Amino acid sequence: MHNVSVITIFKKRHQKVKECLNSLINQTLENIEIICIYKQENTQIDTFVKETQEKHNNIKIIYKTKAQDVVAKNKALEEADGKYLLVLNGNMCLEKTALEKMFSSAEKNDTDIAICGYNIIDINSNELIKTGLNNKFQENENLDGKNLNLAYLNLDAGNKLIKREIMQDIKFENYDECQDEILVLSCYAKANTVSFVNDELFYKYEDNSIHNLKNAVQIKDLKDGLVEVKKLFKETGKYEKMKNILTFIAFSKIGLRSVIELSFDTGSDLKNLIRETMNYLDINFFEWRKNPCFKFKNVPRKSYWFAHIAYKYGFQQTFIKINKKLVEKGNRLLRY
């Protein structure tokens, strides 16, 4: 058994594939395996991975087609034999001590998940967009919803080392562009304890511009995925404890970011879009209206508080139009 199995998903659009794989082969933690998933016809990636594989005997390759994306990822989950698992894509990198520090923290505290600090960087400008954890967590915390700061964390899988037992019955689902987010939330539903490594050891390069908007199909998948996650939280008896965190995530992802993205569709009806979104939230995540995660003293950025007030008192159109205008003037999309 390996200490850690890292599953990497490489796609043609990823610009940091070499940096990603090199960051893994240079990890200070011993006894890790690296499983690379990508389309075989991608000659550039295939050549690089195979050349690297010749020098390192801990690299496996799983080929896929576009239609086999989820199948390939779940095959990797089945084949991975690490005590802990971590999932990266080709626009993510790890500092060389990342796996060692997360592994040591999880082992020391006997936790289900270990999470390290992170930097999210604009891939176009190389500007730092967001950073965390900023000393907001104890080294060992119960996943009981008491620390609301969990709601404001990134949902990327790349800075989360997850115990194999937690993922035993969890698989990637066929959701477009939000598979990792749903996987992470599903693991939260089954985990009881988390250890935090405050060092910023994870780097994600993100296109946060108008050119990388989610479409209606991708947002529908995210809506469906969040509803399924809520069901899982209820099945595990954790929804009442974690509802504020889960509801904050649903509101910020669907009520704010997704509505702004869909408003750029030339055929969209903003009034109808808002009506559909409010119905979705009120039916599935009605707790958003009185969620303490949106209190002025709690939010990490006051834009969350302002957005919540705007939605709560019926000023959704004004809020969306202001944000859309900012993006049209060259500002990057707000990270709700």
C-alpha atoms as a PDB file:
ATOM      1  CA  MET A   1       0.000   0.000   0.000  1.00  0.00           C
ATOM      2  CA  HIS A   2       1.224   3.476  -0.873  1.00  0.00           C
ATOM      3  CA  ASN A   3       1.042   6.324   1.596  1.00  0.00           C
ATOM      4  CA  VAL A   4      -0.769   8.516  -0.930  1.00  0.00           C
ATOM      5  CA  SER A   5      -2.318   7.994  -4.357  1.00  0.00           C
ATOM      6  CA  VAL A   6      -2.547  11.155  -6.460  1.00  0.00           C
ATOM      7  CA  ILE A   7      -5.042  11.117  -9.328  1.00  0.00           C
ATOM      8  CA  THR A   8      -4.231  13.710 -11.980  1.00  0.00           C
ATOM      9  CA  ILE A   9      -6.550  14.726 -14.807  1.00  0.00           C
ATOM     10  CA  PHE A  10      -4.825  16.359 -17.769  1.00  0.00           C
ATOM     11  CA  LYS A  11      -6.727  18.113 -20.553  1.00  0.00           C
ATOM     12  CA  LYS A  12      -5.580  19.878 -23.686  1.00  0.00           C
ATOM     13  CA  ARG A  13      -6.643  23.266 -22.330  1.00  0.00           C
ATOM     14  CA  HIS A  14      -4.517  22.899 -19.194  1.00  0.00           C
ATOM     15  CA  GLN A  15      -1.434  25.101 -19.385  1.00  0.00           C
ATOM     16  CA  LYS A  16       0.453  23.813 -16.333  1.00  0.00           C
ATOM     17  CA  VAL A  17       0.678  20.058 -17.010  1.00  0.00           C
ATOM     18  CA  LYS A  18       4.470  19.943 -16.832  1.00  0.00           C
ATOM     19  CA  GLU A  19       4.540  22.009 -13.648  1.00  0.00           C
ATOM     20  CA  CYS A  20       1.838  19.805 -12.139  1.00  0.00           C
ATOM     21  CA  LEU A  21       3.555  16.461 -12.794  1.00  0.00           C
ATOM     22  CA  ASN A  22       6.992  17.809 -11.868  1.00  0.00           C
ATOM     23  CA  SER A  23       5.589  19.062  -8.556  1.00  0.00           C
ATOM     24  CA  LEU A  24       4.408  15.513  -7.825  1.00  0.00           C
ATOM     25  CA  ILE A  25       7.571  13.619  -8.731  1.00  0.00           C
ATOM     26  CA  ASN A  26       9.566  16.012  -6.520  1.00  0.00           C
ATOM     27  CA  GLN A  27       7.452  15.483  -3.386  1.00  0.00           C
ATOM     28  CA  THR A  28       9.402  14.832  -0.193  1.00  0.00           C
ATOM     29  CA  LEU A  29       6.904  12.197   0.965  1.00  0.00           C
ATOM     30  CA  GLU A  30       8.065   8.719   0.023  1.00  0.00           C
ATOM     31  CA  ASN A  31       5.941   5.847  -1.274  1.00  0.00           C
ATOM     32  CA  ILE A  32       3.393   7.713  -3.371  1.00  0.00           C
ATOM     33  CA  GLU A  33       1.782   6.706  -6.652  1.00  0.00           C
ATOM     34  CA  ILE A  34       0.703   9.034  -9.450  1.00  0.00           C
ATOM     35  CA  ILE A  35      -2.169   8.088 -11.753  1.00  0.00           C
ATOM     36  CA  CYS A  36      -2.408  10.239 -14.897  1.00  0.00           C
ATOM     37  CA  ILE A  37      -5.678  10.405 -16.849  1.00  0.00           C
ATOM     38  CA  TYR A  38      -5.914  11.976 -20.300  1.00  0.00           C
ATOM     39  CA  LYS A  39      -6.922  11.376 -23.916  1.00  0.00           C
ATOM     40  CA  GLN A  40      -4.384   9.203 -25.709  1.00  0.00           C
ATOM     41  CA  GLU A  41      -4.465  11.299 -28.890  1.00  0.00           C
ATOM     42  CA  ASN A  42      -3.097  14.280 -26.967  1.00  0.00           C
ATOM     43  CA  THR A  43       0.422  13.710 -28.270  1.00  0.00           C
ATOM     44  CA  GLN A  44       2.057  16.551 -26.375  1.00  0.00           C
ATOM     45  CA  ILE A  45       0.804  15.410 -22.960  1.00  0.00           C
ATOM     46  CA  ASP A  46       1.298  11.722 -23.756  1.00  0.00           C
ATOM     47  CA  THR A  47       4.913  12.236 -24.821  1.00  0.00           C
ATOM     48  CA  PHE A  48       5.739  14.215 -21.701  1.00  0.00           C
ATOM     49  CA  VAL A  49       4.051  11.775 -19.302  1.00  0.00           C
ATOM     50  CA  LYS A  50       5.658   8.725 -20.914  1.00  0.00           C
ATOM     51  CA  GLU A  51       9.109  10.318 -20.841  1.00  0.00           C
ATOM     52  CA  THR A  52       8.601  11.106 -17.161  1.00  0.00           C
ATOM     53  CA  GLN A  53       7.240   7.599 -16.506  1.00  0.00           C
ATOM     54  CA  GLU A  54      10.463   6.085 -17.892  1.00  0.00           C
ATOM     55  CA  LYS A  55      12.395   7.843 -15.126  1.00  0.00           C
ATOM     56  CA  HIS A  56       9.936   7.119 -12.304  1.00  0.00           C
ATOM     57  CA  ASN A  57       8.304   3.751 -11.661  1.00  0.00           C
ATOM     58  CA  ASN A  58       5.417   5.131  -9.579  1.00  0.00           C
ATOM     59  CA  ILE A  59       3.466   6.657 -12.503  1.00  0.00           C
ATOM     60  CA  LYS A  60       0.448   4.934 -14.068  1.00  0.00           C
ATOM     61  CA  ILE A  61      -1.503   6.017 -17.140  1.00  0.00           C
ATOM     62  CA  ILE A  62      -5.235   5.621 -17.742  1.00  0.00           C
ATOM     63  CA  TYR A  63      -6.405   6.669 -21.186  1.00  0.00           C
ATOM     64  CA  LYS A  64      -9.895   8.021 -21.790  1.00  0.00           C
ATOM     65  CA  THR A  65     -12.173   9.497 -24.395  1.00  0.00           C
ATOM     66  CA  LYS A  66     -14.349  12.521 -23.698  1.00  0.00           C
ATOM     67  CA  ALA A  67     -17.323  10.209 -23.119  1.00  0.00           C
ATOM     68  CA  GLN A  68     -15.274   8.123 -20.666  1.00  0.00           C
ATOM     69  CA  ASP A  69     -14.209  11.030 -18.444  1.00  0.00           C
ATOM     70  CA  VAL A  70     -16.091   9.923 -15.322  1.00  0.00           C
ATOM     71  CA  VAL A  71     -15.488   6.230 -16.048  1.00  0.00           C
ATOM     72  CA  ALA A  72     -11.733   6.813 -16.185  1.00  0.00           C
ATOM     73  CA  LYS A  73     -11.732   8.811 -12.952  1.00  0.00           C
ATOM     74  CA  ASN A  74     -13.683   6.100 -11.139  1.00  0.00           C
ATOM     75  CA  LYS A  75     -11.355   3.456 -12.543  1.00  0.00           C
ATOM     76  CA  ALA A  76      -8.481   5.436 -11.028  1.00  0.00           C
ATOM     77  CA  LEU A  77     -10.291   5.486  -7.673  1.00  0.00           C
ATOM     78  CA  GLU A  78     -10.636   1.691  -7.853  1.00  0.00           C
ATOM     79  CA  GLU A  79      -7.003   1.098  -8.818  1.00  0.00           C
ATOM     80  CA  ALA A  80      -5.499   3.564  -6.339  1.00  0.00           C
ATOM     81  CA  ASP A  81      -4.144   1.721  -3.301  1.00  0.00           C
ATOM     82  CA  GLY A  82      -2.964   4.662  -1.212  1.00  0.00           C
ATOM     83  CA  LYS A  83      -3.995   5.074   2.409  1.00  0.00           C
ATOM     84  CA  TYR A  84      -4.974   8.615   1.382  1.00  0.00           C
ATOM     85  CA  LEU A  85      -6.137  10.013  -1.955  1.00  0.00           C
ATOM     86  CA  LEU A  86      -5.722  13.410  -3.595  1.00  0.00           C
ATOM     87  CA  VAL A  87      -7.086  14.676  -6.927  1.00  0.00           C
ATOM     88  CA  LEU A  88      -5.372  17.299  -9.094  1.00  0.00           C
ATOM     89  CA  ASN A  89      -5.890  18.684 -12.574  1.00  0.00           C
ATOM     90  CA  GLY A  90      -3.315  20.052 -14.992  1.00  0.00           C
ATOM     91  CA  ASN A  91      -3.654  23.642 -13.789  1.00  0.00           C
ATOM     92  CA  MET A  92      -2.746  22.787 -10.194  1.00  0.00           C
ATOM     93  CA  CYS A  93       0.611  22.320  -8.493  1.00  0.00           C
ATOM     94  CA  LEU A  94       1.858  21.331  -5.049  1.00  0.00           C
ATOM     95  CA  GLU A  95       4.803  22.715  -3.107  1.00  0.00           C
ATOM     96  CA  LYS A  96       7.318  19.889  -2.649  1.00  0.00           C
ATOM     97  CA  THR A  97       6.526  19.310   1.059  1.00  0.00           C
ATOM     98  CA  ALA A  98       2.737  19.430   0.594  1.00  0.00           C
ATOM     99  CA  LEU A  99       1.974  15.705   0.712  1.00  0.00           C
ATOM    100  CA  GLU A 100       4.426  15.075   3.548  1.00  0.00           C
ATOM    101  CA  LYS A 101       2.931  17.833   5.709  1.00  0.00           C
ATOM    102  CA  MET A 102      -0.689  16.845   5.034  1.00  0.00           C
ATOM    103  CA  PHE A 103       0.073  13.140   5.506  1.00  0.00           C
ATOM    104  CA  SER A 104       1.901  13.810   8.783  1.00  0.00           C
ATOM    105  CA  SER A 105      -0.943  15.991  10.045  1.00  0.00           C
ATOM    106  CA  ALA A 106      -3.608  13.411   9.174  1.00  0.00           C
ATOM    107  CA  GLU A 107      -1.607  10.605  10.794  1.00  0.00           C
ATOM    108  CA  LYS A 108      -0.724  12.618  13.883  1.00  0.00           C
ATOM    109  CA  ASN A 109      -4.312  13.726  14.507  1.00  0.00           C
ATOM    110  CA  ASP A 110      -6.011  10.592  13.119  1.00  0.00           C
ATOM    111  CA  THR A 111      -8.263  12.706  10.905  1.00  0.00           C
ATOM    112  CA  ASP A 112     -10.368  11.803   7.881  1.00  0.00           C
ATOM    113  CA  ILE A 113      -9.207  14.748   5.765  1.00  0.00           C
ATOM    114  CA  ALA A 114      -6.141  16.997   5.826  1.00  0.00           C
ATOM    115  CA  ILE A 115      -6.389  20.430   4.187  1.00  0.00           C
ATOM    116  CA  CYS A 116      -3.509  22.782   3.447  1.00  0.00           C
ATOM    117  CA  GLY A 117      -3.411  26.487   2.665  1.00  0.00           C
ATOM    118  CA  TYR A 118      -3.705  27.578  -0.944  1.00  0.00           C
ATOM    119  CA  ASN A 119      -3.095  30.271  -3.516  1.00  0.00           C
ATOM    120  CA  ILE A 120      -5.473  30.781  -6.435  1.00  0.00           C
ATOM    121  CA  ILE A 121      -3.761  32.664  -9.268  1.00  0.00           C
ATOM    122  CA  ASP A 122      -5.151  34.314 -12.409  1.00  0.00           C
ATOM    123  CA  ILE A 123      -3.613  32.337 -15.256  1.00  0.00           C
ATOM    124  CA  ASN A 124      -3.814  35.317 -17.612  1.00  0.00           C
ATOM    125  CA  SER A 125      -2.216  37.985 -15.421  1.00  0.00           C
ATOM    126  CA  ASN A 126      -0.408  35.800 -12.849  1.00  0.00           C
ATOM    127  CA  GLU A 127      -2.136  37.923 -10.194  1.00  0.00           C
ATOM    128  CA  LEU A 128      -2.998  36.349  -6.834  1.00  0.00           C
ATOM    129  CA  ILE A 129      -6.812  36.111  -6.624  1.00  0.00           C
ATOM    130  CA  LYS A 130      -7.323  34.410  -3.288  1.00  0.00           C
ATOM    131  CA  THR A 131      -5.332  32.854  -0.486  1.00  0.00           C
ATOM    132  CA  GLY A 132      -6.184  30.722   2.553  1.00  0.00           C
ATOM    133  CA  LEU A 133      -6.341  29.363   5.344  1.00  0.00           C
ATOM    134  CA  ASN A 134      -5.149  32.473   7.184  1.00  0.00           C
ATOM    135  CA  ASN A 135      -5.010  30.876  10.647  1.00  0.00           C
ATOM    136  CA  LYS A 136      -8.784  30.495  10.871  1.00  0.00           C
ATOM    137  CA  PHE A 137      -8.639  26.838  11.917  1.00  0.00           C
ATOM    138  CA  GLN A 138      -7.162  24.774  14.715  1.00  0.00           C
ATOM    139  CA  GLU A 139      -4.808  21.999  13.647  1.00  0.00           C
ATOM    140  CA  ASN A 140      -7.493  19.449  14.482  1.00  0.00           C
ATOM    141  CA  GLU A 141     -11.186  20.302  14.066  1.00  0.00           C
ATOM    142  CA  ASN A 142     -14.449  18.392  14.188  1.00  0.00           C
ATOM    143  CA  LEU A 143     -16.541  18.636  11.041  1.00  0.00           C
ATOM    144  CA  ASP A 144     -19.602  19.710  12.988  1.00  0.00           C
ATOM    145  CA  GLY A 145     -20.443  23.058  11.385  1.00  0.00           C
ATOM    146  CA  LYS A 146     -19.337  25.154  14.353  1.00  0.00           C
ATOM    147  CA  ASN A 147     -16.449  26.797  12.511  1.00  0.00           C
ATOM    148  CA  LEU A 148     -18.237  28.756   9.776  1.00  0.00           C
ATOM    149  CA  ASN A 149     -14.942  29.528   8.060  1.00  0.00           C
ATOM    150  CA  LEU A 150     -15.233  26.156   6.320  1.00  0.00           C
ATOM    151  CA  ALA A 151     -17.959  27.726   4.145  1.00  0.00           C
ATOM    152  CA  TYR A 152     -15.482  30.205   2.673  1.00  0.00           C
ATOM    153  CA  LEU A 153     -12.821  27.657   1.677  1.00  0.00           C
ATOM    154  CA  ASN A 154     -12.112  26.631  -1.891  1.00  0.00           C
ATOM    155  CA  LEU A 155     -13.816  23.426  -3.045  1.00  0.00           C
ATOM    156  CA  ASP A 156     -10.871  22.174  -5.107  1.00  0.00           C
ATOM    157  CA  ALA A 157      -9.774  18.620  -4.377  1.00  0.00           C
ATOM    158  CA  GLY A 158      -6.085  19.416  -4.889  1.00  0.00           C
ATOM    159  CA  ASN A 159      -5.389  20.700  -1.376  1.00  0.00           C
ATOM    160  CA  LYS A 160      -7.374  17.975   0.388  1.00  0.00           C
ATOM    161  CA  LEU A 161      -5.828  14.664   1.395  1.00  0.00           C
ATOM    162  CA  ILE A 162      -8.722  12.281   1.994  1.00  0.00           C
ATOM    163  CA  LYS A 163      -8.580   8.975   3.850  1.00  0.00           C
ATOM    164  CA  ARG A 164      -9.369   6.069   1.565  1.00  0.00           C
ATOM    165  CA  GLU A 165     -12.143   4.751   3.836  1.00  0.00           C
ATOM    166  CA  ILE A 166     -14.059   8.020   3.498  1.00  0.00           C
ATOM    167  CA  MET A 167     -14.116   7.696  -0.297  1.00  0.00           C
ATOM    168  CA  GLN A 168     -14.929   3.997  -0.299  1.00  0.00           C
ATOM    169  CA  ASP A 169     -18.545   4.457  -1.437  1.00  0.00           C
ATOM    170  CA  ILE A 170     -18.079   7.827  -3.141  1.00  0.00           C
ATOM    171  CA  LYS A 171     -17.516   8.101  -6.869  1.00  0.00           C
ATOM    172  CA  PHE A 172     -17.189  10.832  -9.431  1.00  0.00           C
ATOM    173  CA  GLU A 173     -20.597  11.657 -10.862  1.00  0.00           C
ATOM    174  CA  ASN A 174     -21.364  12.745 -14.414  1.00  0.00           C
ATOM    175  CA  TYR A 175     -21.514  16.466 -13.694  1.00  0.00           C
ATOM    176  CA  ASP A 176     -19.882  18.768 -16.223  1.00  0.00           C
ATOM    177  CA  GLU A 177     -17.139  20.995 -14.758  1.00  0.00           C
ATOM    178  CA  CYS A 178     -18.119  20.502 -11.100  1.00  0.00           C
ATOM    179  CA  GLN A 179     -17.186  16.862 -10.455  1.00  0.00           C
ATOM    180  CA  ASP A 180     -14.395  17.682  -8.007  1.00  0.00           C
ATOM    181  CA  GLU A 181     -16.531  20.145  -6.048  1.00  0.00           C
ATOM    182  CA  ILE A 182     -19.304  17.593  -5.608  1.00  0.00           C
ATOM    183  CA  LEU A 183     -16.742  14.932  -4.664  1.00  0.00           C
ATOM    184  CA  VAL A 184     -15.271  17.165  -1.941  1.00  0.00           C
ATOM    185  CA  LEU A 185     -18.682  18.041  -0.503  1.00  0.00           C
ATOM    186  CA  SER A 186     -19.659  14.352  -0.526  1.00  0.00           C
ATOM    187  CA  CYS A 187     -16.531  13.581   1.493  1.00  0.00           C
ATOM    188  CA  TYR A 188     -17.459  16.327   3.963  1.00  0.00           C
ATOM    189  CA  ALA A 189     -20.775  14.531   4.442  1.00  0.00           C
ATOM    190  CA  LYS A 190     -18.977  11.327   5.504  1.00  0.00           C
ATOM    191  CA  ALA A 191     -15.971  12.740   7.370  1.00  0.00           C
ATOM    192  CA  ASN A 192     -15.938  13.572  11.080  1.00  0.00           C
ATOM    193  CA  THR A 193     -12.558  15.204  11.639  1.00  0.00           C
ATOM    194  CA  VAL A 194     -10.259  17.479   9.635  1.00  0.00           C
ATOM    195  CA  SER A 195      -6.678  18.549  10.250  1.00  0.00           C
ATOM    196  CA  PHE A 196      -5.416  21.834   8.833  1.00  0.00           C
ATOM    197  CA  VAL A 197      -1.918  22.700   7.661  1.00  0.00           C
ATOM    198  CA  ASN A 198      -1.826  26.483   7.514  1.00  0.00           C
ATOM    199  CA  ASP A 199       1.112  26.634   5.069  1.00  0.00           C
ATOM    200  CA  GLU A 200       0.189  27.665   1.527  1.00  0.00           C
ATOM    201  CA  LEU A 201       1.207  24.503  -0.317  1.00  0.00           C
ATOM    202  CA  PHE A 202      -1.350  24.328  -3.138  1.00  0.00           C
ATOM    203  CA  TYR A 203      -1.421  26.498  -6.263  1.00  0.00           C
ATOM    204  CA  LYS A 204      -4.310  26.670  -8.693  1.00  0.00           C
ATOM    205  CA  TYR A 205      -4.101  28.650 -11.923  1.00  0.00           C
ATOM    206  CA  GLU A 206      -7.559  29.777 -12.928  1.00  0.00           C
ATOM    207  CA  ASP A 207      -9.042  31.584 -15.913  1.00  0.00           C
ATOM    208  CA  ASN A 208     -11.378  33.908 -14.051  1.00  0.00           C
ATOM    209  CA  SER A 209     -12.303  36.024 -17.050  1.00  0.00           C
ATOM    210  CA  ILE A 210     -15.375  36.527 -19.205  1.00  0.00           C
ATOM    211  CA  HIS A 211     -13.954  33.918 -21.588  1.00  0.00           C
ATOM    212  CA  ASN A 212     -14.451  31.114 -19.053  1.00  0.00           C
ATOM    213  CA  LEU A 213     -18.132  31.377 -18.198  1.00  0.00           C
ATOM    214  CA  LYS A 214     -20.111  28.283 -17.248  1.00  0.00           C
ATOM    215  CA  ASN A 215     -22.985  27.488 -19.587  1.00  0.00           C
ATOM    216  CA  ALA A 216     -26.566  26.529 -18.713  1.00  0.00           C
ATOM    217  CA  VAL A 217     -25.841  22.769 -18.867  1.00  0.00           C
ATOM    218  CA  GLN A 218     -22.876  23.056 -16.495  1.00  0.00           C
ATOM    219  CA  ILE A 219     -24.873  25.162 -14.049  1.00  0.00           C
ATOM    220  CA  LYS A 220     -27.782  22.702 -14.154  1.00  0.00           C
ATOM    221  CA  ASP A 221     -25.291  19.955 -13.283  1.00  0.00           C
ATOM    222  CA  LEU A 222     -24.057  22.025 -10.343  1.00  0.00           C
ATOM    223  CA  LYS A 223     -27.627  22.570  -9.141  1.00  0.00           C
ATOM    224  CA  ASP A 224     -28.395  18.848  -9.389  1.00  0.00           C
ATOM    225  CA  GLY A 225     -25.119  17.940  -7.708  1.00  0.00           C
ATOM    226  CA  LEU A 226     -25.755  20.217  -4.737  1.00  0.00           C
ATOM    227  CA  VAL A 227     -29.210  18.694  -4.233  1.00  0.00           C
ATOM    228  CA  GLU A 228     -27.682  15.198  -4.235  1.00  0.00           C
ATOM    229  CA  VAL A 229     -25.046  16.334  -1.743  1.00  0.00           C
ATOM    230  CA  LYS A 230     -27.781  17.646   0.537  1.00  0.00           C
ATOM    231  CA  LYS A 231     -29.436  14.205   0.405  1.00  0.00           C
ATOM    232  CA  LEU A 232     -26.133  12.588   1.378  1.00  0.00           C
ATOM    233  CA  PHE A 233     -25.739  14.976   4.327  1.00  0.00           C
ATOM    234  CA  LYS A 234     -29.221  14.013   5.484  1.00  0.00           C
ATOM    235  CA  GLU A 235     -28.490  10.292   5.064  1.00  0.00           C
ATOM    236  CA  THR A 236     -25.383  10.607   7.222  1.00  0.00           C
ATOM    237  CA  GLY A 237     -27.270  12.660   9.824  1.00  0.00           C
ATOM    238  CA  LYS A 238     -25.052  15.708   9.352  1.00  0.00           C
ATOM    239  CA  TYR A 239     -27.322  18.159   7.570  1.00  0.00           C
ATOM    240  CA  GLU A 240     -28.601  19.968  10.648  1.00  0.00           C
ATOM    241  CA  LYS A 241     -25.040  20.570  11.834  1.00  0.00           C
ATOM    242  CA  MET A 242     -23.671  21.549   8.418  1.00  0.00           C
ATOM    243  CA  LYS A 243     -26.690  23.248   6.825  1.00  0.00           C
ATOM    244  CA  ASN A 244     -25.373  26.792   7.243  1.00  0.00           C
ATOM    245  CA  ILE A 245     -22.135  25.909   5.480  1.00  0.00           C
ATOM    246  CA  LEU A 246     -23.821  23.939   2.706  1.00  0.00           C
ATOM    247  CA  THR A 247     -26.492  26.605   2.223  1.00  0.00           C
ATOM    248  CA  PHE A 248     -23.864  29.343   1.989  1.00  0.00           C
ATOM    249  CA  ILE A 249     -22.063  27.358  -0.714  1.00  0.00           C
ATOM    250  CA  ALA A 250     -25.297  26.836  -2.658  1.00  0.00           C
ATOM    251  CA  PHE A 251     -26.229  30.523  -2.453  1.00  0.00           C
ATOM    252  CA  SER A 252     -22.794  31.791  -3.466  1.00  0.00           C
ATOM    253  CA  LYS A 253     -22.369  29.270  -6.294  1.00  0.00           C
ATOM    254  CA  ILE A 254     -25.905  29.356  -7.718  1.00  0.00           C
ATOM    255  CA  GLY A 255     -27.524  32.562  -6.482  1.00  0.00           C
ATOM    256  CA  LEU A 256     -24.542  34.797  -7.171  1.00  0.00           C
ATOM    257  CA  ARG A 257     -21.808  33.474  -9.467  1.00  0.00           C
ATOM    258  CA  SER A 258     -24.000  31.343 -11.754  1.00  0.00           C
ATOM    259  CA  VAL A 259     -26.651  34.003 -12.279  1.00  0.00           C
ATOM    260  CA  ILE A 260     -23.971  36.521 -13.247  1.00  0.00           C
ATOM    261  CA  GLU A 261     -22.471  34.012 -15.679  1.00  0.00           C
ATOM    262  CA  LEU A 262     -25.822  33.159 -17.278  1.00  0.00           C
ATOM    263  CA  SER A 263     -26.710  36.839 -17.620  1.00  0.00           C
ATOM    264  CA  PHE A 264     -24.078  37.064 -20.366  1.00  0.00           C
ATOM    265  CA  ASP A 265     -26.098  34.669 -22.534  1.00  0.00           C
ATOM    266  CA  THR A 266     -27.628  36.895 -25.201  1.00  0.00           C
ATOM    267  CA  GLY A 267     -30.864  34.929 -25.085  1.00  0.00           C
ATOM    268  CA  SER A 268     -31.275  35.077 -21.314  1.00  0.00           C
ATOM    269  CA  ASP A 269     -34.260  36.699 -19.628  1.00  0.00           C
ATOM    270  CA  LEU A 270     -32.836  38.184 -16.433  1.00  0.00           C
ATOM    271  CA  LYS A 271     -36.159  38.462 -14.662  1.00  0.00           C
ATOM    272  CA  ASN A 272     -37.027  34.830 -15.395  1.00  0.00           C
ATOM    273  CA  LEU A 273     -33.485  33.718 -14.539  1.00  0.00           C
ATOM    274  CA  ILE A 274     -33.754  35.366 -11.125  1.00  0.00           C
ATOM    275  CA  ARG A 275     -37.189  33.833 -10.541  1.00  0.00           C
ATOM    276  CA  GLU A 276     -35.898  30.329 -11.342  1.00  0.00           C
ATOM    277  CA  THR A 277     -32.849  30.817  -9.133  1.00  0.00           C
ATOM    278  CA  MET A 278     -34.857  32.080  -6.174  1.00  0.00           C
ATOM    279  CA  ASN A 279     -37.262  29.135  -6.525  1.00  0.00           C
ATOM    280  CA  TYR A 280     -34.325  26.726  -6.564  1.00  0.00           C
ATOM    281  CA  LEU A 281     -32.804  28.263  -3.435  1.00  0.00           C
ATOM    282  CA  ASP A 282     -36.069  28.590  -1.513  1.00  0.00           C
ATOM    283  CA  ILE A 283     -37.081  24.998  -2.258  1.00  0.00           C
ATOM    284  CA  ASN A 284     -33.721  23.313  -1.685  1.00  0.00           C
ATOM    285  CA  PHE A 285     -31.699  25.670   0.529  1.00  0.00           C
ATOM    286  CA  PHE A 286     -34.270  27.953   2.169  1.00  0.00           C
ATOM    287  CA  GLU A 287     -31.977  28.539   5.155  1.00  0.00           C
ATOM    288  CA  TRP A 288     -30.020  31.067   3.043  1.00  0.00           C
ATOM    289  CA  ARG A 289     -32.278  33.893   4.248  1.00  0.00           C
ATOM    290  CA  LYS A 290     -31.167  33.629   7.902  1.00  0.00           C
ATOM    291  CA  ASN A 291     -27.733  32.144   7.454  1.00  0.00           C
ATOM    292  CA  PRO A 292     -25.116  33.367   9.988  1.00  0.00           C
ATOM    293  CA  CYS A 293     -22.414  32.863   7.349  1.00  0.00           C
ATOM    294  CA  PHE A 294     -23.644  36.116   5.764  1.00  0.00           C
ATOM    295  CA  LYS A 295     -23.458  38.245   8.905  1.00  0.00           C
ATOM    296  CA  PHE A 296     -21.299  41.325   8.502  1.00  0.00           C
ATOM    297  CA  LYS A 297     -18.929  40.231  11.283  1.00  0.00           C
ATOM    298  CA  ASN A 298     -18.441  36.755   9.786  1.00  0.00           C
ATOM    299  CA  VAL A 299     -17.937  37.188   6.037  1.00  0.00           C
ATOM    300  CA  PRO A 300     -14.330  37.302   4.756  1.00  0.00           C
ATOM    301  CA  ARG A 301     -15.321  39.862   2.109  1.00  0.00           C
ATOM    302  CA  LYS A 302     -18.064  42.449   2.572  1.00  0.00           C
ATOM    303  CA  SER A 303     -19.300  41.768  -0.969  1.00  0.00           C
ATOM    304  CA  TYR A 304     -20.933  38.607   0.421  1.00  0.00           C
ATOM    305  CA  TRP A 305     -22.862  40.630   2.988  1.00  0.00           C
ATOM    306  CA  PHE A 306     -23.919  43.197   0.385  1.00  0.00           C
ATOM    307  CA  ALA A 307     -25.041  40.461  -2.038  1.00  0.00           C
ATOM    308  CA  HIS A 308     -27.069  38.717   0.656  1.00  0.00           C
ATOM    309  CA  ILE A 309     -28.844  41.965   1.573  1.00  0.00           C
ATOM    310  CA  ALA A 310     -29.568  42.700  -2.100  1.00  0.00           C
ATOM    311  CA  TYR A 311     -31.107  39.263  -2.639  1.00  0.00           C
ATOM    312  CA  LYS A 312     -32.976  39.232   0.640  1.00  0.00           C
ATOM    313  CA  TYR A 313     -34.748  42.506  -0.085  1.00  0.00           C
ATOM    314  CA  GLY A 314     -35.475  42.033  -3.781  1.00  0.00           C
ATOM    315  CA  PHE A 315     -32.639  43.962  -5.444  1.00  0.00           C
ATOM    316  CA  GLN A 316     -31.263  40.993  -7.391  1.00  0.00           C
ATOM    317  CA  GLN A 317     -31.479  42.678 -10.807  1.00  0.00           C
ATOM    318  CA  THR A 318     -29.591  45.730  -9.594  1.00  0.00           C
ATOM    319  CA  PHE A 319     -26.876  43.574  -8.031  1.00  0.00           C
ATOM    320  CA  ILE A 320     -26.445  41.438 -11.166  1.00  0.00           C
ATOM    321  CA  LYS A 321     -26.422  44.407 -13.542  1.00  0.00           C
ATOM    322  CA  ILE A 322     -23.745  46.154 -11.484  1.00  0.00           C
ATOM    323  CA  ASN A 323     -21.547  43.039 -11.434  1.00  0.00           C
ATOM    324  CA  LYS A 324     -22.100  42.390 -15.130  1.00  0.00           C
ATOM    325  CA  LYS A 325     -21.093  45.946 -15.964  1.00  0.00           C
ATOM    326  CA  LEU A 326     -17.912  45.588 -13.912  1.00  0.00           C
ATOM    327  CA  VAL A 327     -16.972  42.433 -15.797  1.00  0.00           C
ATOM    328  CA  GLU A 328     -17.724  44.042 -19.161  1.00  0.00           C
ATOM    329  CA  LYS A 329     -15.336  46.857 -18.249  1.00  0.00           C
ATOM    330  CA  GLY A 330     -12.518  44.366 -17.864  1.00  0.00           C
ATOM    331  CA  ASN A 331     -12.782  43.305 -14.231  1.00  0.00           C
ATOM    332  CA  ARG A 332     -12.512  39.602 -13.583  1.00  0.00           C
ATOM    333  CA  LEU A 333     -15.571  37.723 -12.381  1.00  0.00           C
ATOM    334  CA  LEU A 334     -16.114  38.104  -8.638  1.00  0.00           C
ATOM    335  CA  ARG A 335     -15.144  34.926  -6.806  1.00  0.00           C
ATOM    336  CA  TYR A 336     -18.496  34.083  -5.215  1.00  0.00           C
END
